[in-house]
Amino acid sequence: MHIKVPKHLIRTIQRAVVEFELLSADDRVLVGLSGGKDSLFLLHTLAVFAQHLPFSVELGALTVDLGFKSIEETDLSPLESSCEDLKIPFTVIRAELGEEILHHKQQNPCARCSYFRRAIIHNFARDNGYNKVAFAHHYDDAVETFLMSILYSGQRYTFLPKTYLDKTGITVIRPLVYLRESEIRGAVNKWRLTPLKNPCPFDGTTKRTEVKELINKMKKENPHVFYHLAAAMREGKNSQLWPRELTKEEVRDKSSRFWSNRQVDMLHCPD
């Protein structure tokens, strides 16, 4: 299938690639291909983008099947066909981890799923000579992650466009970080690509879904909400924050010094 990527989408991807230095000569890039709309879009646009680079970049694709559905219920042939059309090597790794993920006593299923998926992809990349892994996280994902970190963990955090992993020596890149989800959805529909249905039993009921709906609700009252959140993710923005939280030992020490000084002051206080 020949797909023509509109220039404005290519320019947006180019902005991320250039600004964050995501691609270099002779890179071997493994695309994490879940089969959803975002990873399908990434696969096709990277294939087109790579043809116009001033240097050589080799692509591969990996799908990780964590066993949420039986092998008989799992059809990955559309992904294989897409990779064949694009002349991109395609690999599937199945790991029977569905029950372990869904019924873990301590860790959230989404966090557990993400951990296993990333670990399998990163290790495969390292063992097969890929120096980079490309994930299809987009602008909306980044902003939602940022707001989730504030609401549910009291931190200000989101994923980075480029991250070097010391443990595996792999660099993770996210070329779609400046693309909105609506742009990706529109392109996938226009190209008539058919994303696979997410096998996760929690699909559509996660905290991410709640935050996505919250942002959309707030946008109805203030259309600038999304981009204000995006601006707050950036380093160098004006901020006025409380000092860091003290440890219990520091609180005890300051309290002791405070009351000691108070007693001395009271002893010297004139009648």
C-alpha atoms as a PDB file:
ATOM      1  CA  MET A   1       0.000   0.000   0.000  1.00  0.00           C
ATOM      2  CA  HIS A   2       1.419   3.374  -1.033  1.00  0.00           C
ATOM      3  CA  ILE A   3       0.664   6.088   1.504  1.00  0.00           C
ATOM      4  CA  LYS A   4       1.233   9.770   0.894  1.00  0.00           C
ATOM      5  CA  VAL A   5       1.991  11.604   4.135  1.00  0.00           C
ATOM      6  CA  PRO A   6       0.816  15.258   4.064  1.00  0.00           C
ATOM      7  CA  LYS A   7       3.598  17.828   4.264  1.00  0.00           C
ATOM      8  CA  HIS A   8       2.297  19.403   7.481  1.00  0.00           C
ATOM      9  CA  LEU A   9       2.565  16.042   9.278  1.00  0.00           C
ATOM     10  CA  ILE A  10       6.069  15.457   7.944  1.00  0.00           C
ATOM     11  CA  ARG A  11       7.078  18.950   9.063  1.00  0.00           C
ATOM     12  CA  THR A  12       5.744  18.291  12.553  1.00  0.00           C
ATOM     13  CA  ILE A  13       7.675  15.035  12.809  1.00  0.00           C
ATOM     14  CA  GLN A  14      10.750  16.764  11.398  1.00  0.00           C
ATOM     15  CA  ARG A  15      10.487  19.417  14.109  1.00  0.00           C
ATOM     16  CA  ALA A  16      10.696  16.753  16.822  1.00  0.00           C
ATOM     17  CA  VAL A  17      13.481  14.815  15.064  1.00  0.00           C
ATOM     18  CA  VAL A  18      15.623  17.925  14.625  1.00  0.00           C
ATOM     19  CA  GLU A  19      14.881  19.641  17.956  1.00  0.00           C
ATOM     20  CA  PHE A  20      15.490  16.561  20.087  1.00  0.00           C
ATOM     21  CA  GLU A  21      18.135  14.942  17.831  1.00  0.00           C
ATOM     22  CA  LEU A  22      16.165  11.721  17.500  1.00  0.00           C
ATOM     23  CA  LEU A  23      17.841  10.219  14.410  1.00  0.00           C
ATOM     24  CA  SER A  24      21.452   9.928  13.285  1.00  0.00           C
ATOM     25  CA  ALA A  25      23.357   8.282  10.461  1.00  0.00           C
ATOM     26  CA  ASP A  26      23.319   4.477  10.476  1.00  0.00           C
ATOM     27  CA  ASP A  27      20.714   4.194  13.221  1.00  0.00           C
ATOM     28  CA  ARG A  28      18.903   0.883  13.484  1.00  0.00           C
ATOM     29  CA  VAL A  29      15.473   1.749  14.843  1.00  0.00           C
ATOM     30  CA  LEU A  30      13.012  -0.791  16.239  1.00  0.00           C
ATOM     31  CA  VAL A  31       9.399   0.382  16.129  1.00  0.00           C
ATOM     32  CA  GLY A  32       7.203  -0.807  18.979  1.00  0.00           C
ATOM     33  CA  LEU A  33       4.175  -1.941  16.952  1.00  0.00           C
ATOM     34  CA  SER A  34       1.179  -2.601  19.200  1.00  0.00           C
ATOM     35  CA  GLY A  35      -1.224  -2.495  16.259  1.00  0.00           C
ATOM     36  CA  GLY A  36      -3.153   0.505  17.555  1.00  0.00           C
ATOM     37  CA  LYS A  37      -3.715   3.600  15.424  1.00  0.00           C
ATOM     38  CA  ASP A  38      -0.712   5.445  16.867  1.00  0.00           C
ATOM     39  CA  SER A  39       1.876   2.734  16.268  1.00  0.00           C
ATOM     40  CA  LEU A  40       0.504   2.025  12.769  1.00  0.00           C
ATOM     41  CA  PHE A  41       0.815   5.723  11.976  1.00  0.00           C
ATOM     42  CA  LEU A  42       4.378   5.779  13.353  1.00  0.00           C
ATOM     43  CA  LEU A  43       5.364   2.743  11.280  1.00  0.00           C
ATOM     44  CA  HIS A  44       4.128   4.233   8.016  1.00  0.00           C
ATOM     45  CA  THR A  45       5.344   7.784   8.570  1.00  0.00           C
ATOM     46  CA  LEU A  46       8.805   6.676   9.724  1.00  0.00           C
ATOM     47  CA  ALA A  47       9.097   4.499   6.619  1.00  0.00           C
ATOM     48  CA  VAL A  48       8.324   7.528   4.438  1.00  0.00           C
ATOM     49  CA  PHE A  49      10.424   9.924   6.510  1.00  0.00           C
ATOM     50  CA  ALA A  50      13.471   7.631   6.398  1.00  0.00           C
ATOM     51  CA  GLN A  51      13.456   7.696   2.589  1.00  0.00           C
ATOM     52  CA  HIS A  52      14.079  11.449   2.591  1.00  0.00           C
ATOM     53  CA  LEU A  53      16.815  11.638   5.220  1.00  0.00           C
ATOM     54  CA  PRO A  54      20.313  12.734   4.174  1.00  0.00           C
ATOM     55  CA  PHE A  55      21.680   9.555   5.760  1.00  0.00           C
ATOM     56  CA  SER A  56      20.794   5.891   6.082  1.00  0.00           C
ATOM     57  CA  VAL A  57      18.406   4.619   8.783  1.00  0.00           C
ATOM     58  CA  GLU A  58      17.273   0.985   9.056  1.00  0.00           C
ATOM     59  CA  LEU A  59      13.858   0.135  10.489  1.00  0.00           C
ATOM     60  CA  GLY A  60      12.450  -2.975  12.119  1.00  0.00           C
ATOM     61  CA  ALA A  61       9.156  -3.647  13.914  1.00  0.00           C
ATOM     62  CA  LEU A  62       8.308  -5.722  16.969  1.00  0.00           C
ATOM     63  CA  THR A  63       4.900  -6.670  18.348  1.00  0.00           C
ATOM     64  CA  VAL A  64       4.696  -7.951  21.923  1.00  0.00           C
ATOM     65  CA  ASP A  65       1.701 -10.175  22.662  1.00  0.00           C
ATOM     66  CA  LEU A  66       1.343 -10.443  26.440  1.00  0.00           C
ATOM     67  CA  GLY A  67      -1.272 -13.179  26.281  1.00  0.00           C
ATOM     68  CA  PHE A  68      -4.462 -11.334  27.237  1.00  0.00           C
ATOM     69  CA  LYS A  69      -6.221 -13.433  24.590  1.00  0.00           C
ATOM     70  CA  SER A  70      -5.582 -16.966  23.424  1.00  0.00           C
ATOM     71  CA  ILE A  71      -3.471 -17.613  20.350  1.00  0.00           C
ATOM     72  CA  GLU A  72      -6.624 -18.682  18.489  1.00  0.00           C
ATOM     73  CA  GLU A  73      -8.244 -15.291  19.218  1.00  0.00           C
ATOM     74  CA  THR A  74      -5.166 -13.313  18.192  1.00  0.00           C
ATOM     75  CA  ASP A  75      -4.721 -12.324  14.557  1.00  0.00           C
ATOM     76  CA  LEU A  76      -1.621 -10.266  13.853  1.00  0.00           C
ATOM     77  CA  SER A  77      -1.601 -10.888  10.105  1.00  0.00           C
ATOM     78  CA  PRO A  78      -2.625  -7.262   9.297  1.00  0.00           C
ATOM     79  CA  LEU A  79       0.556  -6.059  10.996  1.00  0.00           C
ATOM     80  CA  GLU A  80       2.642  -8.588   9.123  1.00  0.00           C
ATOM     81  CA  SER A  81       1.083  -7.433   5.830  1.00  0.00           C
ATOM     82  CA  SER A  82       1.807  -3.774   6.608  1.00  0.00           C
ATOM     83  CA  CYS A  83       5.449  -4.552   7.334  1.00  0.00           C
ATOM     84  CA  GLU A  84       5.744  -6.630   4.168  1.00  0.00           C
ATOM     85  CA  ASP A  85       4.340  -3.746   2.102  1.00  0.00           C
ATOM     86  CA  LEU A  86       6.849  -1.363   3.688  1.00  0.00           C
ATOM     87  CA  LYS A  87       9.709  -3.909   3.441  1.00  0.00           C
ATOM     88  CA  ILE A  88      10.307  -3.670   7.197  1.00  0.00           C
ATOM     89  CA  PRO A  89      11.373  -6.817   9.107  1.00  0.00           C
ATOM     90  CA  PHE A  90       8.625  -7.855  11.509  1.00  0.00           C
ATOM     91  CA  THR A  91       8.867  -9.960  14.671  1.00  0.00           C
ATOM     92  CA  VAL A  92       6.250 -11.147  17.170  1.00  0.00           C
ATOM     93  CA  ILE A  93       7.083 -12.165  20.721  1.00  0.00           C
ATOM     94  CA  ARG A  94       4.353 -13.827  22.759  1.00  0.00           C
ATOM     95  CA  ALA A  95       4.675 -13.961  26.531  1.00  0.00           C
ATOM     96  CA  GLU A  96       2.015 -15.632  28.661  1.00  0.00           C
ATOM     97  CA  LEU A  97       1.869 -12.846  31.238  1.00  0.00           C
ATOM     98  CA  GLY A  98      -1.792 -11.830  31.099  1.00  0.00           C
ATOM     99  CA  GLU A  99      -2.775 -13.421  34.413  1.00  0.00           C
ATOM    100  CA  GLU A 100       0.359 -12.128  36.146  1.00  0.00           C
ATOM    101  CA  ILE A 101      -0.438  -8.584  34.989  1.00  0.00           C
ATOM    102  CA  LEU A 102      -4.147  -8.598  35.787  1.00  0.00           C
ATOM    103  CA  HIS A 103      -3.925 -10.192  39.236  1.00  0.00           C
ATOM    104  CA  HIS A 104      -0.737  -8.802  40.719  1.00  0.00           C
ATOM    105  CA  LYS A 105      -1.343  -7.976  44.393  1.00  0.00           C
ATOM    106  CA  GLN A 106       0.844  -4.887  44.619  1.00  0.00           C
ATOM    107  CA  GLN A 107       1.315  -3.223  41.233  1.00  0.00           C
ATOM    108  CA  ASN A 108      -1.290  -1.496  39.075  1.00  0.00           C
ATOM    109  CA  PRO A 109      -2.120  -3.585  35.951  1.00  0.00           C
ATOM    110  CA  CYS A 110      -1.322  -0.701  33.584  1.00  0.00           C
ATOM    111  CA  ALA A 111       2.075  -0.144  35.186  1.00  0.00           C
ATOM    112  CA  ARG A 112       2.779  -3.886  35.178  1.00  0.00           C
ATOM    113  CA  CYS A 113       1.788  -4.225  31.514  1.00  0.00           C
ATOM    114  CA  SER A 114       3.940  -1.259  30.492  1.00  0.00           C
ATOM    115  CA  TYR A 115       6.913  -2.618  32.444  1.00  0.00           C
ATOM    116  CA  PHE A 116       6.828  -6.046  30.789  1.00  0.00           C
ATOM    117  CA  ARG A 117       6.199  -4.646  27.308  1.00  0.00           C
ATOM    118  CA  ARG A 118       9.067  -2.151  27.542  1.00  0.00           C
ATOM    119  CA  ALA A 119      11.454  -4.736  29.007  1.00  0.00           C
ATOM    120  CA  ILE A 120      10.780  -7.221  26.198  1.00  0.00           C
ATOM    121  CA  ILE A 121      11.172  -4.571  23.490  1.00  0.00           C
ATOM    122  CA  HIS A 122      14.335  -3.067  24.948  1.00  0.00           C
ATOM    123  CA  ASN A 123      15.996  -6.445  25.447  1.00  0.00           C
ATOM    124  CA  PHE A 124      15.071  -7.585  21.937  1.00  0.00           C
ATOM    125  CA  ALA A 125      16.515  -4.371  20.490  1.00  0.00           C
ATOM    126  CA  ARG A 126      19.765  -4.807  22.404  1.00  0.00           C
ATOM    127  CA  ASP A 127      20.105  -8.473  21.459  1.00  0.00           C
ATOM    128  CA  ASN A 128      19.417  -7.836  17.762  1.00  0.00           C
ATOM    129  CA  GLY A 129      21.646  -4.862  17.093  1.00  0.00           C
ATOM    130  CA  TYR A 130      19.122  -2.034  17.247  1.00  0.00           C
ATOM    131  CA  ASN A 131      20.453   1.093  18.926  1.00  0.00           C
ATOM    132  CA  LYS A 132      17.101   2.881  19.145  1.00  0.00           C
ATOM    133  CA  VAL A 133      13.498   2.023  19.956  1.00  0.00           C
ATOM    134  CA  ALA A 134      10.700   4.226  18.604  1.00  0.00           C
ATOM    135  CA  PHE A 135       7.415   4.509  20.499  1.00  0.00           C
ATOM    136  CA  ALA A 136       4.268   6.191  19.187  1.00  0.00           C
ATOM    137  CA  HIS A 137       3.480   8.468  22.127  1.00  0.00           C
ATOM    138  CA  HIS A 138       2.021  11.755  20.899  1.00  0.00           C
ATOM    139  CA  TYR A 139       1.417  15.261  22.283  1.00  0.00           C
ATOM    140  CA  ASP A 140      -1.837  14.315  24.028  1.00  0.00           C
ATOM    141  CA  ASP A 141      -0.125  11.348  25.716  1.00  0.00           C
ATOM    142  CA  ALA A 142       2.595  13.629  27.080  1.00  0.00           C
ATOM    143  CA  VAL A 143       0.160  16.191  28.496  1.00  0.00           C
ATOM    144  CA  GLU A 144      -2.105  13.511  29.971  1.00  0.00           C
ATOM    145  CA  THR A 145       0.879  11.811  31.625  1.00  0.00           C
ATOM    146  CA  PHE A 146       1.953  15.152  33.079  1.00  0.00           C
ATOM    147  CA  LEU A 147      -1.479  15.847  34.588  1.00  0.00           C
ATOM    148  CA  MET A 148      -1.821  12.258  35.830  1.00  0.00           C
ATOM    149  CA  SER A 149       1.498  12.555  37.661  1.00  0.00           C
ATOM    150  CA  ILE A 150       0.251  15.657  39.485  1.00  0.00           C
ATOM    151  CA  LEU A 151      -3.188  14.278  40.344  1.00  0.00           C
ATOM    152  CA  TYR A 152      -2.236  10.723  41.301  1.00  0.00           C
ATOM    153  CA  SER A 153       1.344  10.888  42.575  1.00  0.00           C
ATOM    154  CA  GLY A 154       1.986  14.495  43.606  1.00  0.00           C
ATOM    155  CA  GLN A 155       4.852  14.782  41.125  1.00  0.00           C
ATOM    156  CA  ARG A 156       5.483  16.828  37.979  1.00  0.00           C
ATOM    157  CA  TYR A 157       6.565  14.249  35.442  1.00  0.00           C
ATOM    158  CA  THR A 158       6.095  13.200  31.845  1.00  0.00           C
ATOM    159  CA  PHE A 159       8.063  11.049  29.409  1.00  0.00           C
ATOM    160  CA  LEU A 160      10.863  12.647  27.395  1.00  0.00           C
ATOM    161  CA  PRO A 161      11.134  12.809  23.592  1.00  0.00           C
ATOM    162  CA  LYS A 162      14.503  11.060  23.884  1.00  0.00           C
ATOM    163  CA  THR A 163      15.838   8.879  26.703  1.00  0.00           C
ATOM    164  CA  TYR A 164      19.071   6.900  26.913  1.00  0.00           C
ATOM    165  CA  LEU A 165      18.753   3.675  28.923  1.00  0.00           C
ATOM    166  CA  ASP A 166      21.978   2.804  30.742  1.00  0.00           C
ATOM    167  CA  LYS A 167      20.906  -0.765  31.481  1.00  0.00           C
ATOM    168  CA  THR A 168      20.466  -1.827  27.847  1.00  0.00           C
ATOM    169  CA  GLY A 169      22.385   0.880  25.979  1.00  0.00           C
ATOM    170  CA  ILE A 170      19.232   1.593  23.969  1.00  0.00           C
ATOM    171  CA  THR A 171      17.931   5.094  23.216  1.00  0.00           C
ATOM    172  CA  VAL A 172      14.152   5.491  23.267  1.00  0.00           C
ATOM    173  CA  ILE A 173      12.771   8.056  20.824  1.00  0.00           C
ATOM    174  CA  ARG A 174       9.260   9.440  20.364  1.00  0.00           C
ATOM    175  CA  PRO A 175       9.012  11.131  16.946  1.00  0.00           C
ATOM    176  CA  LEU A 176       5.286  11.922  17.303  1.00  0.00           C
ATOM    177  CA  VAL A 177       5.528  14.125  20.417  1.00  0.00           C
ATOM    178  CA  TYR A 178       4.379  17.259  18.571  1.00  0.00           C
ATOM    179  CA  LEU A 179       1.436  15.583  16.824  1.00  0.00           C
ATOM    180  CA  ARG A 180      -2.058  15.771  18.287  1.00  0.00           C
ATOM    181  CA  GLU A 181      -4.060  12.561  18.588  1.00  0.00           C
ATOM    182  CA  SER A 182      -6.778  13.986  16.328  1.00  0.00           C
ATOM    183  CA  GLU A 183      -4.226  14.471  13.530  1.00  0.00           C
ATOM    184  CA  ILE A 184      -3.113  10.867  13.810  1.00  0.00           C
ATOM    185  CA  ARG A 185      -6.666   9.547  13.906  1.00  0.00           C
ATOM    186  CA  GLY A 186      -7.579  11.606  10.848  1.00  0.00           C
ATOM    187  CA  ALA A 187      -4.594  10.326   8.859  1.00  0.00           C
ATOM    188  CA  VAL A 188      -5.228   6.676   9.797  1.00  0.00           C
ATOM    189  CA  ASN A 189      -8.869   6.990   8.736  1.00  0.00           C
ATOM    190  CA  LYS A 190      -7.913   8.678   5.463  1.00  0.00           C
ATOM    191  CA  TRP A 191      -5.367   5.974   4.682  1.00  0.00           C
ATOM    192  CA  ARG A 192      -7.969   3.330   5.568  1.00  0.00           C
ATOM    193  CA  LEU A 193      -5.644   1.533   7.914  1.00  0.00           C
ATOM    194  CA  THR A 194      -7.367  -0.862  10.297  1.00  0.00           C
ATOM    195  CA  PRO A 195      -5.957  -0.744  13.826  1.00  0.00           C
ATOM    196  CA  LEU A 196      -6.201  -3.874  15.924  1.00  0.00           C
ATOM    197  CA  LYS A 197      -8.590  -3.883  18.845  1.00  0.00           C
ATOM    198  CA  ASN A 198      -6.776  -3.423  22.136  1.00  0.00           C
ATOM    199  CA  PRO A 199      -6.822  -6.821  23.916  1.00  0.00           C
ATOM    200  CA  CYS A 200      -6.512  -5.217  27.363  1.00  0.00           C
ATOM    201  CA  PRO A 201      -9.676  -5.869  29.425  1.00  0.00           C
ATOM    202  CA  PHE A 202      -9.273  -2.420  31.035  1.00  0.00           C
ATOM    203  CA  ASP A 203      -9.213  -0.551  27.729  1.00  0.00           C
ATOM    204  CA  GLY A 204     -11.317   2.614  28.001  1.00  0.00           C
ATOM    205  CA  THR A 205     -11.653   2.465  31.809  1.00  0.00           C
ATOM    206  CA  THR A 206      -8.179   3.543  32.942  1.00  0.00           C
ATOM    207  CA  LYS A 207      -7.015   6.629  34.829  1.00  0.00           C
ATOM    208  CA  ARG A 208      -5.621   7.896  31.528  1.00  0.00           C
ATOM    209  CA  THR A 209      -9.109   7.772  30.046  1.00  0.00           C
ATOM    210  CA  GLU A 210     -10.427   9.742  33.030  1.00  0.00           C
ATOM    211  CA  VAL A 211      -7.728  12.407  32.615  1.00  0.00           C
ATOM    212  CA  LYS A 212      -8.338  12.609  28.863  1.00  0.00           C
ATOM    213  CA  GLU A 213     -12.030  13.228  29.551  1.00  0.00           C
ATOM    214  CA  LEU A 214     -11.157  15.798  32.241  1.00  0.00           C
ATOM    215  CA  ILE A 215      -8.970  17.781  29.840  1.00  0.00           C
ATOM    216  CA  ASN A 216     -11.668  17.676  27.157  1.00  0.00           C
ATOM    217  CA  LYS A 217     -14.236  18.914  29.671  1.00  0.00           C
ATOM    218  CA  MET A 218     -12.012  21.800  30.773  1.00  0.00           C
ATOM    219  CA  LYS A 219     -11.300  22.721  27.142  1.00  0.00           C
ATOM    220  CA  LYS A 220     -14.995  23.476  26.648  1.00  0.00           C
ATOM    221  CA  GLU A 221     -14.685  26.334  29.144  1.00  0.00           C
ATOM    222  CA  ASN A 222     -11.120  27.336  28.246  1.00  0.00           C
ATOM    223  CA  PRO A 223      -9.827  26.217  24.826  1.00  0.00           C
ATOM    224  CA  HIS A 224      -6.261  27.050  25.876  1.00  0.00           C
ATOM    225  CA  VAL A 225      -6.128  24.501  28.723  1.00  0.00           C
ATOM    226  CA  PHE A 226      -4.255  21.842  26.759  1.00  0.00           C
ATOM    227  CA  TYR A 227      -1.485  24.179  25.646  1.00  0.00           C
ATOM    228  CA  HIS A 228      -1.198  25.740  29.097  1.00  0.00           C
ATOM    229  CA  LEU A 229      -0.555  22.261  30.484  1.00  0.00           C
ATOM    230  CA  ALA A 230       1.933  21.615  27.686  1.00  0.00           C
ATOM    231  CA  ALA A 231       3.747  24.862  28.514  1.00  0.00           C
ATOM    232  CA  ALA A 232       3.934  23.879  32.183  1.00  0.00           C
ATOM    233  CA  MET A 233       5.837  20.690  31.190  1.00  0.00           C
ATOM    234  CA  ARG A 234       8.738  22.755  29.884  1.00  0.00           C
ATOM    235  CA  GLU A 235      11.912  23.575  31.780  1.00  0.00           C
ATOM    236  CA  GLY A 236      12.609  27.263  32.315  1.00  0.00           C
ATOM    237  CA  LYS A 237       8.997  28.310  32.829  1.00  0.00           C
ATOM    238  CA  ASN A 238       8.204  30.703  35.669  1.00  0.00           C
ATOM    239  CA  SER A 239       7.266  28.822  38.798  1.00  0.00           C
ATOM    240  CA  GLN A 240       6.684  29.573  42.450  1.00  0.00           C
ATOM    241  CA  LEU A 241       6.714  26.404  44.501  1.00  0.00           C
ATOM    242  CA  TRP A 242       6.820  25.533  48.150  1.00  0.00           C
ATOM    243  CA  PRO A 243      10.190  24.361  49.490  1.00  0.00           C
ATOM    244  CA  ARG A 244      10.763  20.628  49.432  1.00  0.00           C
ATOM    245  CA  GLU A 245       9.068  18.597  52.158  1.00  0.00           C
ATOM    246  CA  LEU A 246      11.334  18.056  55.160  1.00  0.00           C
ATOM    247  CA  THR A 247      12.167  14.636  56.515  1.00  0.00           C
ATOM    248  CA  LYS A 248      10.911  13.688  59.976  1.00  0.00           C
ATOM    249  CA  GLU A 249      14.441  14.113  61.327  1.00  0.00           C
ATOM    250  CA  GLU A 250      14.708  17.604  59.862  1.00  0.00           C
ATOM    251  CA  VAL A 251      11.325  18.581  61.325  1.00  0.00           C
ATOM    252  CA  ARG A 252      12.346  17.340  64.787  1.00  0.00           C
ATOM    253  CA  ASP A 253      15.656  19.206  64.577  1.00  0.00           C
ATOM    254  CA  LYS A 254      14.041  22.496  63.499  1.00  0.00           C
ATOM    255  CA  SER A 255      11.321  22.122  66.110  1.00  0.00           C
ATOM    256  CA  SER A 256      13.894  21.525  68.831  1.00  0.00           C
ATOM    257  CA  ARG A 257      15.920  24.572  67.812  1.00  0.00           C
ATOM    258  CA  PHE A 258      12.790  26.719  67.523  1.00  0.00           C
ATOM    259  CA  TRP A 259      11.537  25.939  71.034  1.00  0.00           C
ATOM    260  CA  SER A 260      15.014  26.209  72.550  1.00  0.00           C
ATOM    261  CA  ASN A 261      15.363  29.703  71.126  1.00  0.00           C
ATOM    262  CA  ARG A 262      11.845  30.546  72.269  1.00  0.00           C
ATOM    263  CA  GLN A 263      12.644  29.592  75.862  1.00  0.00           C
ATOM    264  CA  VAL A 264      15.789  31.685  75.865  1.00  0.00           C
ATOM    265  CA  ASP A 265      13.902  34.681  74.488  1.00  0.00           C
ATOM    266  CA  MET A 266      11.234  34.328  77.180  1.00  0.00           C
ATOM    267  CA  LEU A 267      13.849  34.232  79.959  1.00  0.00           C
ATOM    268  CA  HIS A 268      15.256  37.571  78.773  1.00  0.00           C
ATOM    269  CA  CYS A 269      11.871  39.158  78.181  1.00  0.00           C
ATOM    270  CA  PRO A 270      11.402  42.286  80.421  1.00  0.00           C
ATOM    271  CA  ASP A 271       8.451  42.352  82.811  1.00  0.00           C
END
